[in-house]
Amino acid sequence: IYDLLDVNSRIELVCEYLLANCEPFNDLNLSIIKTETERLVFTLTMKGYSVTETADLIGLKSTQVRYSRIKIYKIAGVTSALELVFNCYGVEEHGE
């Protein structure tokens, strides 16, 4: 079933499971995320919120949230929200 889900649904499913069952393994040091906006974006990304949902919740444009995510990905050394979540919880990413 996992392989049939779109990326946002995968993120939501993984986040829901990890938040309910696991402690962060590889916690990204939030002190290196400089702005409050980026901290909010990081937190909401880790909870499985999409770019659009995050933008709506914190009152930004989707492009601003995307830019913040890109900065966070660079800090964490990842290229996607799913990889960020897997990385922070020490989970091996499954193939597409």
PDB file of N, CA and C in Angstrom:
ATOM      1  N   ILE A   1       0.833  -1.193   0.000  1.00  0.00           N
ATOM      2  CA  ILE A   1       0.000   0.000   0.000  1.00  0.00           C
ATOM      3  C   ILE A   1       0.873   1.251   0.000  1.00  0.00           C
ATOM      4  N   TYR A   2       1.946   1.228   0.791  1.00  0.00           N
ATOM      5  CA  TYR A   2       2.838   2.391   0.908  1.00  0.00           C
ATOM      6  C   TYR A   2       3.295   2.865  -0.466  1.00  0.00           C
ATOM      7  N   ASP A   3       3.675   1.924  -1.351  1.00  0.00           N
ATOM      8  CA  ASP A   3       4.182   2.280  -2.670  1.00  0.00           C
ATOM      9  C   ASP A   3       3.127   2.934  -3.558  1.00  0.00           C
ATOM     10  N   LEU A   4       1.853   2.764  -3.243  1.00  0.00           N
ATOM     11  CA  LEU A   4       0.777   3.340  -4.042  1.00  0.00           C
ATOM     12  C   LEU A   4       0.427   4.767  -3.624  1.00  0.00           C
ATOM     13  N   LEU A   5       0.944   5.214  -2.490  1.00  0.00           N
ATOM     14  CA  LEU A   5       0.623   6.546  -1.965  1.00  0.00           C
ATOM     15  C   LEU A   5       1.463   7.615  -2.626  1.00  0.00           C
ATOM     16  N   ASP A   6       0.894   8.832  -2.752  1.00  0.00           N
ATOM     17  CA  ASP A   6       1.688   9.960  -3.230  1.00  0.00           C
ATOM     18  C   ASP A   6       2.619  10.419  -2.107  1.00  0.00           C
ATOM     19  N   VAL A   7       3.562  11.279  -2.441  1.00  0.00           N
ATOM     20  CA  VAL A   7       4.595  11.680  -1.483  1.00  0.00           C
ATOM     21  C   VAL A   7       3.998  12.295  -0.223  1.00  0.00           C
ATOM     22  N   ASN A   8       3.040  13.197  -0.351  1.00  0.00           N
ATOM     23  CA  ASN A   8       2.452  13.834   0.834  1.00  0.00           C
ATOM     24  C   ASN A   8       1.756  12.818   1.731  1.00  0.00           C
ATOM     25  N   SER A   9       1.084  11.855   1.139  1.00  0.00           N
ATOM     26  CA  SER A   9       0.422  10.813   1.927  1.00  0.00           C
ATOM     27  C   SER A   9       1.446   9.930   2.629  1.00  0.00           C
ATOM     28  N   ARG A  10       2.576   9.668   1.954  1.00  0.00           N
ATOM     29  CA  ARG A  10       3.647   8.889   2.581  1.00  0.00           C
ATOM     30  C   ARG A  10       4.202   9.623   3.793  1.00  0.00           C
ATOM     31  N   ILE A  11       4.469  10.906   3.618  1.00  0.00           N
ATOM     32  CA  ILE A  11       5.003  11.705   4.719  1.00  0.00           C
ATOM     33  C   ILE A  11       4.046  11.680   5.893  1.00  0.00           C
ATOM     34  N   GLU A  12       2.770  11.910   5.620  1.00  0.00           N
ATOM     35  CA  GLU A  12       1.759  11.933   6.677  1.00  0.00           C
ATOM     36  C   GLU A  12       1.698  10.593   7.407  1.00  0.00           C
ATOM     37  N   LEU A  13       1.698   9.507   6.659  1.00  0.00           N
ATOM     38  CA  LEU A  13       1.628   8.172   7.253  1.00  0.00           C
ATOM     39  C   LEU A  13       2.865   7.881   8.104  1.00  0.00           C
ATOM     40  N   VAL A  14       4.034   8.167   7.572  1.00  0.00           N
ATOM     41  CA  VAL A  14       5.278   7.916   8.308  1.00  0.00           C
ATOM     42  C   VAL A  14       5.337   8.775   9.565  1.00  0.00           C
ATOM     43  N   CYS A  15       5.005  10.057   9.428  1.00  0.00           N
ATOM     44  CA  CYS A  15       5.037  10.959  10.582  1.00  0.00           C
ATOM     45  C   CYS A  15       4.079  10.503  11.670  1.00  0.00           C
ATOM     46  N   GLU A  16       2.882  10.133  11.271  1.00  0.00           N
ATOM     47  CA  GLU A  16       1.886   9.665  12.240  1.00  0.00           C
ATOM     48  C   GLU A  16       2.415   8.454  13.003  1.00  0.00           C
ATOM     49  N   TYR A  17       2.986   7.499  12.277  1.00  0.00           N
ATOM     50  CA  TYR A  17       3.531   6.307  12.924  1.00  0.00           C
ATOM     51  C   TYR A  17       4.699   6.657  13.843  1.00  0.00           C
ATOM     52  N   LEU A  18       5.660   7.431  13.332  1.00  0.00           N
ATOM     53  CA  LEU A  18       6.854   7.741  14.109  1.00  0.00           C
ATOM     54  C   LEU A  18       6.526   8.561  15.352  1.00  0.00           C
ATOM     55  N   LEU A  19       5.659   9.550  15.216  1.00  0.00           N
ATOM     56  CA  LEU A  19       5.304  10.372  16.372  1.00  0.00           C
ATOM     57  C   LEU A  19       4.602   9.551  17.446  1.00  0.00           C
ATOM     58  N   ALA A  20       3.849   8.541  17.025  1.00  0.00           N
ATOM     59  CA  ALA A  20       3.120   7.710  17.983  1.00  0.00           C
ATOM     60  C   ALA A  20       4.004   6.640  18.615  1.00  0.00           C
ATOM     61  N   ASN A  21       5.043   6.185  17.902  1.00  0.00           N
ATOM     62  CA  ASN A  21       5.766   4.998  18.340  1.00  0.00           C
ATOM     63  C   ASN A  21       7.264   5.158  18.594  1.00  0.00           C
ATOM     64  N   CYS A  22       7.856   6.279  18.234  1.00  0.00           N
ATOM     65  CA  CYS A  22       9.310   6.388  18.299  1.00  0.00           C
ATOM     66  C   CYS A  22       9.754   7.706  18.930  1.00  0.00           C
ATOM     67  N   GLU A  23      10.954   7.656  19.469  1.00  0.00           N
ATOM     68  CA  GLU A  23      11.624   8.868  19.924  1.00  0.00           C
ATOM     69  C   GLU A  23      12.585   9.294  18.816  1.00  0.00           C
ATOM     70  N   PRO A  24      12.782  10.607  18.618  1.00  0.00           N
ATOM     71  CA  PRO A  24      13.748  11.027  17.594  1.00  0.00           C
ATOM     72  C   PRO A  24      15.113  10.398  17.851  1.00  0.00           C
ATOM     73  N   PHE A  25      15.706   9.912  16.787  1.00  0.00           N
ATOM     74  CA  PHE A  25      16.990   9.232  16.866  1.00  0.00           C
ATOM     75  C   PHE A  25      18.132  10.189  16.549  1.00  0.00           C
ATOM     76  N   ASN A  26      17.945  10.971  15.530  1.00  0.00           N
ATOM     77  CA  ASN A  26      18.988  11.854  15.040  1.00  0.00           C
ATOM     78  C   ASN A  26      18.441  13.280  15.058  1.00  0.00           C
ATOM     79  N   ASP A  27      18.151  13.786  16.237  1.00  0.00           N
ATOM     80  CA  ASP A  27      17.522  15.095  16.366  1.00  0.00           C
ATOM     81  C   ASP A  27      18.351  16.187  15.713  1.00  0.00           C
ATOM     82  N   LEU A  28      17.761  16.890  14.762  1.00  0.00           N
ATOM     83  CA  LEU A  28      18.413  18.046  14.154  1.00  0.00           C
ATOM     84  C   LEU A  28      18.509  19.129  15.213  1.00  0.00           C
ATOM     85  N   ASN A  29      19.651  19.698  15.371  1.00  0.00           N
ATOM     86  CA  ASN A  29      19.856  20.741  16.367  1.00  0.00           C
ATOM     87  C   ASN A  29      19.120  22.003  15.921  1.00  0.00           C
ATOM     88  N   LEU A  30      18.008  22.301  16.581  1.00  0.00           N
ATOM     89  CA  LEU A  30      17.200  23.450  16.176  1.00  0.00           C
ATOM     90  C   LEU A  30      17.924  24.775  16.345  1.00  0.00           C
ATOM     91  N   SER A  31      18.999  24.814  17.122  1.00  0.00           N
ATOM     92  CA  SER A  31      19.715  26.076  17.296  1.00  0.00           C
ATOM     93  C   SER A  31      20.408  26.511  16.004  1.00  0.00           C
ATOM     94  N   ILE A  32      20.648  25.580  15.082  1.00  0.00           N
ATOM     95  CA  ILE A  32      21.266  25.982  13.817  1.00  0.00           C
ATOM     96  C   ILE A  32      20.231  26.455  12.799  1.00  0.00           C
ATOM     97  N   ILE A  33      18.952  26.272  13.126  1.00  0.00           N
ATOM     98  CA  ILE A  33      17.886  26.848  12.299  1.00  0.00           C
ATOM     99  C   ILE A  33      17.636  28.237  12.860  1.00  0.00           C
ATOM    100  N   LYS A  34      18.000  29.251  12.094  1.00  0.00           N
ATOM    101  CA  LYS A  34      18.129  30.612  12.618  1.00  0.00           C
ATOM    102  C   LYS A  34      16.822  31.339  12.913  1.00  0.00           C
ATOM    103  N   THR A  35      15.815  31.176  12.073  1.00  0.00           N
ATOM    104  CA  THR A  35      14.613  32.002  12.237  1.00  0.00           C
ATOM    105  C   THR A  35      13.461  31.220  12.857  1.00  0.00           C
ATOM    106  N   GLU A  36      12.585  31.938  13.498  1.00  0.00           N
ATOM    107  CA  GLU A  36      11.387  31.330  14.090  1.00  0.00           C
ATOM    108  C   GLU A  36      10.517  30.699  13.002  1.00  0.00           C
ATOM    109  N   THR A  37      10.446  31.355  11.848  1.00  0.00           N
ATOM    110  CA  THR A  37       9.656  30.811  10.738  1.00  0.00           C
ATOM    111  C   THR A  37      10.196  29.453  10.322  1.00  0.00           C
ATOM    112  N   GLU A  38      11.514  29.349  10.190  1.00  0.00           N
ATOM    113  CA  GLU A  38      12.102  28.070   9.797  1.00  0.00           C
ATOM    114  C   GLU A  38      11.892  27.007  10.866  1.00  0.00           C
ATOM    115  N   ARG A  39      11.906  27.395  12.121  1.00  0.00           N
ATOM    116  CA  ARG A  39      11.629  26.429  13.193  1.00  0.00           C
ATOM    117  C   ARG A  39      10.194  25.927  13.106  1.00  0.00           C
ATOM    118  N   LEU A  40       9.259  26.840  12.834  1.00  0.00           N
ATOM    119  CA  LEU A  40       7.860  26.440  12.669  1.00  0.00           C
ATOM    120  C   LEU A  40       7.705  25.514  11.467  1.00  0.00           C
ATOM    121  N   VAL A  41       8.339  25.876  10.365  1.00  0.00           N
ATOM    122  CA  VAL A  41       8.260  25.056   9.159  1.00  0.00           C
ATOM    123  C   VAL A  41       8.846  23.671   9.438  1.00  0.00           C
ATOM    124  N   PHE A  42       9.990  23.614  10.123  1.00  0.00           N
ATOM    125  CA  PHE A  42      10.597  22.329  10.474  1.00  0.00           C
ATOM    126  C   PHE A  42       9.637  21.492  11.315  1.00  0.00           C
ATOM    127  N   THR A  43       9.082  22.091  12.348  1.00  0.00           N
ATOM    128  CA  THR A  43       8.189  21.367  13.253  1.00  0.00           C
ATOM    129  C   THR A  43       6.967  20.833  12.510  1.00  0.00           C
ATOM    130  N   LEU A  44       6.358  21.665  11.685  1.00  0.00           N
ATOM    131  CA  LEU A  44       5.173  21.234  10.947  1.00  0.00           C
ATOM    132  C   LEU A  44       5.516  20.191   9.892  1.00  0.00           C
ATOM    133  N   THR A  45       6.701  20.306   9.286  1.00  0.00           N
ATOM    134  CA  THR A  45       7.148  19.290   8.335  1.00  0.00           C
ATOM    135  C   THR A  45       7.320  17.953   9.039  1.00  0.00           C
ATOM    136  N   MET A  46       7.913  17.977  10.222  1.00  0.00           N
ATOM    137  CA  MET A  46       8.118  16.746  10.988  1.00  0.00           C
ATOM    138  C   MET A  46       6.789  16.127  11.423  1.00  0.00           C
ATOM    139  N   LYS A  47       5.755  16.940  11.505  1.00  0.00           N
ATOM    140  CA  LYS A  47       4.433  16.418  11.880  1.00  0.00           C
ATOM    141  C   LYS A  47       3.625  15.986  10.661  1.00  0.00           C
ATOM    142  N   GLY A  48       4.207  16.140   9.460  1.00  0.00           N
ATOM    143  CA  GLY A  48       3.555  15.646   8.257  1.00  0.00           C
ATOM    144  C   GLY A  48       2.706  16.645   7.496  1.00  0.00           C
ATOM    145  N   TYR A  49       2.780  17.926   7.862  1.00  0.00           N
ATOM    146  CA  TYR A  49       2.001  18.931   7.160  1.00  0.00           C
ATOM    147  C   TYR A  49       2.612  19.221   5.799  1.00  0.00           C
ATOM    148  N   SER A  50       1.762  19.419   4.800  1.00  0.00           N
ATOM    149  CA  SER A  50       2.218  19.767   3.457  1.00  0.00           C
ATOM    150  C   SER A  50       2.647  21.232   3.423  1.00  0.00           C
ATOM    151  N   VAL A  51       3.262  21.631   2.316  1.00  0.00           N
ATOM    152  CA  VAL A  51       3.666  23.027   2.137  1.00  0.00           C
ATOM    153  C   VAL A  51       2.443  23.936   2.245  1.00  0.00           C
ATOM    154  N   THR A  52       1.369  23.586   1.571  1.00  0.00           N
ATOM    155  CA  THR A  52       0.151  24.405   1.573  1.00  0.00           C
ATOM    156  C   THR A  52      -0.456  24.494   2.968  1.00  0.00           C
ATOM    157  N   GLU A  53      -0.543  23.370   3.655  1.00  0.00           N
ATOM    158  CA  GLU A  53      -1.091  23.372   5.015  1.00  0.00           C
ATOM    159  C   GLU A  53      -0.231  24.219   5.947  1.00  0.00           C
ATOM    160  N   THR A  54       1.079  24.086   5.830  1.00  0.00           N
ATOM    161  CA  THR A  54       1.995  24.874   6.657  1.00  0.00           C
ATOM    162  C   THR A  54       1.813  26.353   6.383  1.00  0.00           C
ATOM    163  N   ALA A  55       1.752  26.716   5.111  1.00  0.00           N
ATOM    164  CA  ALA A  55       1.565  28.126   4.739  1.00  0.00           C
ATOM    165  C   ALA A  55       0.274  28.675   5.325  1.00  0.00           C
ATOM    166  N   ASP A  56      -0.794  27.920   5.229  1.00  0.00           N
ATOM    167  CA  ASP A  56      -2.079  28.355   5.779  1.00  0.00           C
ATOM    168  C   ASP A  56      -2.018  28.526   7.299  1.00  0.00           C
ATOM    169  N   LEU A  57      -1.360  27.593   7.964  1.00  0.00           N
ATOM    170  CA  LEU A  57      -1.297  27.625   9.427  1.00  0.00           C
ATOM    171  C   LEU A  57      -0.483  28.793   9.967  1.00  0.00           C
ATOM    172  N   ILE A  58       0.613  29.145   9.279  1.00  0.00           N
ATOM    173  CA  ILE A  58       1.474  30.205   9.818  1.00  0.00           C
ATOM    174  C   ILE A  58       1.376  31.505   9.041  1.00  0.00           C
ATOM    175  N   GLY A  59       0.444  31.562   8.097  1.00  0.00           N
ATOM    176  CA  GLY A  59       0.159  32.814   7.407  1.00  0.00           C
ATOM    177  C   GLY A  59       1.212  33.281   6.422  1.00  0.00           C
ATOM    178  N   LEU A  60       1.818  32.330   5.721  1.00  0.00           N
ATOM    179  CA  LEU A  60       2.806  32.666   4.699  1.00  0.00           C
ATOM    180  C   LEU A  60       2.324  32.184   3.342  1.00  0.00           C
ATOM    181  N   LYS A  61       3.030  32.627   2.300  1.00  0.00           N
ATOM    182  CA  LYS A  61       2.776  32.107   0.963  1.00  0.00           C
ATOM    183  C   LYS A  61       3.466  30.754   0.846  1.00  0.00           C
ATOM    184  N   SER A  62       2.927  29.898   0.013  1.00  0.00           N
ATOM    185  CA  SER A  62       3.519  28.568  -0.199  1.00  0.00           C
ATOM    186  C   SER A  62       4.960  28.668  -0.667  1.00  0.00           C
ATOM    187  N   THR A  63       5.265  29.671  -1.488  1.00  0.00           N
ATOM    188  CA  THR A  63       6.646  29.823  -1.972  1.00  0.00           C
ATOM    189  C   THR A  63       7.609  30.132  -0.831  1.00  0.00           C
ATOM    190  N   GLN A  64       7.163  30.880   0.166  1.00  0.00           N
ATOM    191  CA  GLN A  64       8.015  31.169   1.326  1.00  0.00           C
ATOM    192  C   GLN A  64       8.279  29.902   2.136  1.00  0.00           C
ATOM    193  N   VAL A  65       7.243  29.076   2.287  1.00  0.00           N
ATOM    194  CA  VAL A  65       7.402  27.811   3.019  1.00  0.00           C
ATOM    195  C   VAL A  65       8.342  26.891   2.257  1.00  0.00           C
ATOM    196  N   ARG A  66       8.190  26.815   0.929  1.00  0.00           N
ATOM    197  CA  ARG A  66       9.081  25.986   0.120  1.00  0.00           C
ATOM    198  C   ARG A  66      10.534  26.437   0.274  1.00  0.00           C
ATOM    199  N   TYR A  67      10.757  27.743   0.255  1.00  0.00           N
ATOM    200  CA  TYR A  67      12.110  28.292   0.416  1.00  0.00           C
ATOM    201  C   TYR A  67      12.670  27.922   1.793  1.00  0.00           C
ATOM    202  N   SER A  68      11.850  28.039   2.829  1.00  0.00           N
ATOM    203  CA  SER A  68      12.295  27.667   4.179  1.00  0.00           C
ATOM    204  C   SER A  68      12.635  26.184   4.250  1.00  0.00           C
ATOM    205  N   ARG A  69      11.815  25.356   3.612  1.00  0.00           N
ATOM    206  CA  ARG A  69      12.100  23.916   3.601  1.00  0.00           C
ATOM    207  C   ARG A  69      13.431  23.626   2.918  1.00  0.00           C
ATOM    208  N   ILE A  70      13.687  24.292   1.810  1.00  0.00           N
ATOM    209  CA  ILE A  70      14.944  24.078   1.091  1.00  0.00           C
ATOM    210  C   ILE A  70      16.133  24.417   1.988  1.00  0.00           C
ATOM    211  N   LYS A  71      16.033  25.522   2.724  1.00  0.00           N
ATOM    212  CA  LYS A  71      17.106  25.896   3.646  1.00  0.00           C
ATOM    213  C   LYS A  71      17.286  24.833   4.734  1.00  0.00           C
ATOM    214  N   ILE A  72      16.180  24.317   5.262  1.00  0.00           N
ATOM    215  CA  ILE A  72      16.226  23.274   6.295  1.00  0.00           C
ATOM    216  C   ILE A  72      16.837  21.993   5.721  1.00  0.00           C
ATOM    217  N   TYR A  73      16.447  21.630   4.512  1.00  0.00           N
ATOM    218  CA  TYR A  73      17.003  20.427   3.878  1.00  0.00           C
ATOM    219  C   TYR A  73      18.519  20.541   3.749  1.00  0.00           C
ATOM    220  N   LYS A  74      18.991  21.725   3.362  1.00  0.00           N
ATOM    221  CA  LYS A  74      20.441  21.924   3.228  1.00  0.00           C
ATOM    222  C   LYS A  74      21.134  21.768   4.578  1.00  0.00           C
ATOM    223  N   ILE A  75      20.546  22.329   5.619  1.00  0.00           N
ATOM    224  CA  ILE A  75      21.115  22.207   6.969  1.00  0.00           C
ATOM    225  C   ILE A  75      21.181  20.739   7.382  1.00  0.00           C
ATOM    226  N   ALA A  76      20.112  19.995   7.088  1.00  0.00           N
ATOM    227  CA  ALA A  76      20.022  18.591   7.505  1.00  0.00           C
ATOM    228  C   ALA A  76      20.739  17.639   6.548  1.00  0.00           C
ATOM    229  N   GLY A  77      21.139  18.141   5.379  1.00  0.00           N
ATOM    230  CA  GLY A  77      21.812  17.290   4.403  1.00  0.00           C
ATOM    231  C   GLY A  77      20.890  16.316   3.705  1.00  0.00           C
ATOM    232  N   VAL A  78      19.640  16.748   3.480  1.00  0.00           N
ATOM    233  CA  VAL A  78      18.648  15.908   2.802  1.00  0.00           C
ATOM    234  C   VAL A  78      18.056  16.677   1.630  1.00  0.00           C
ATOM    235  N   THR A  79      17.205  16.017   0.845  1.00  0.00           N
ATOM    236  CA  THR A  79      16.619  16.666  -0.328  1.00  0.00           C
ATOM    237  C   THR A  79      15.096  16.664  -0.350  1.00  0.00           C
ATOM    238  N   SER A  80      14.455  16.085   0.674  1.00  0.00           N
ATOM    239  CA  SER A  80      12.989  16.048   0.683  1.00  0.00           C
ATOM    240  C   SER A  80      12.468  15.973   2.113  1.00  0.00           C
ATOM    241  N   ALA A  81      11.173  16.263   2.255  1.00  0.00           N
ATOM    242  CA  ALA A  81      10.539  16.183   3.574  1.00  0.00           C
ATOM    243  C   ALA A  81      10.548  14.751   4.094  1.00  0.00           C
ATOM    244  N   LEU A  82      10.296  13.809   3.225  1.00  0.00           N
ATOM    245  CA  LEU A  82      10.280  12.409   3.628  1.00  0.00           C
ATOM    246  C   LEU A  82      11.667  11.985   4.110  1.00  0.00           C
ATOM    247  N   GLU A  83      12.699  12.380   3.389  1.00  0.00           N
ATOM    248  CA  GLU A  83      14.064  12.061   3.788  1.00  0.00           C
ATOM    249  C   GLU A  83      14.417  12.736   5.115  1.00  0.00           C
ATOM    250  N   LEU A  84      13.932  13.963   5.328  1.00  0.00           N
ATOM    251  CA  LEU A  84      14.161  14.673   6.587  1.00  0.00           C
ATOM    252  C   LEU A  84      13.569  13.896   7.760  1.00  0.00           C
ATOM    253  N   VAL A  85      12.335  13.461   7.599  1.00  0.00           N
ATOM    254  CA  VAL A  85      11.663  12.704   8.655  1.00  0.00           C
ATOM    255  C   VAL A  85      12.401  11.394   8.919  1.00  0.00           C
ATOM    256  N   PHE A  86      12.706  10.656   7.856  1.00  0.00           N
ATOM    257  CA  PHE A  86      13.431   9.395   8.020  1.00  0.00           C
ATOM    258  C   PHE A  86      14.771   9.633   8.698  1.00  0.00           C
ATOM    259  N   ASN A  87      15.494  10.665   8.274  1.00  0.00           N
ATOM    260  CA  ASN A  87      16.803  10.980   8.829  1.00  0.00           C
ATOM    261  C   ASN A  87      16.707  11.283  10.320  1.00  0.00           C
ATOM    262  N   CYS A  88      15.754  12.095  10.711  1.00  0.00           N
ATOM    263  CA  CYS A  88      15.622  12.492  12.108  1.00  0.00           C
ATOM    264  C   CYS A  88      15.217  11.333  13.010  1.00  0.00           C
ATOM    265  N   TYR A  89      14.578  10.314  12.432  1.00  0.00           N
ATOM    266  CA  TYR A  89      14.175   9.156  13.215  1.00  0.00           C
ATOM    267  C   TYR A  89      15.060   7.942  12.969  1.00  0.00           C
ATOM    268  N   GLY A  90      16.125   8.118  12.159  1.00  0.00           N
ATOM    269  CA  GLY A  90      17.065   7.019  11.926  1.00  0.00           C
ATOM    270  C   GLY A  90      16.448   5.854  11.207  1.00  0.00           C
ATOM    271  N   VAL A  91      15.511   6.135  10.289  1.00  0.00           N
ATOM    272  CA  VAL A  91      14.815   5.090   9.544  1.00  0.00           C
ATOM    273  C   VAL A  91      15.406   5.018   8.145  1.00  0.00           C
ATOM    274  N   GLU A  92      15.662   3.811   7.663  1.00  0.00           N
ATOM    275  CA  GLU A  92      16.114   3.630   6.288  1.00  0.00           C
ATOM    276  C   GLU A  92      14.937   3.886   5.356  1.00  0.00           C
ATOM    277  N   GLU A  93      15.173   4.712   4.321  1.00  0.00           N
ATOM    278  CA  GLU A  93      14.105   5.008   3.364  1.00  0.00           C
ATOM    279  C   GLU A  93      13.920   3.814   2.438  1.00  0.00           C
ATOM    280  N   HIS A  94      12.633   3.473   2.199  1.00  0.00           N
ATOM    281  CA  HIS A  94      12.308   2.368   1.299  1.00  0.00           C
ATOM    282  C   HIS A  94      12.346   2.861  -0.137  1.00  0.00           C
ATOM    283  N   GLY A  95      12.635   1.983  -1.064  1.00  0.00           N
ATOM    284  CA  GLY A  95      12.659   2.328  -2.485  1.00  0.00           C
ATOM    285  C   GLY A  95      11.290   2.697  -2.983  1.00  0.00           C
ATOM    286  N   GLU A  96      11.275   3.460  -4.071  1.00  0.00           N
ATOM    287  CA  GLU A  96      10.016   3.914  -4.668  1.00  0.00           C
ATOM    288  C   GLU A  96       9.255   2.748  -5.248  1.00  0.00           C
TER     289      GLU A  96
END
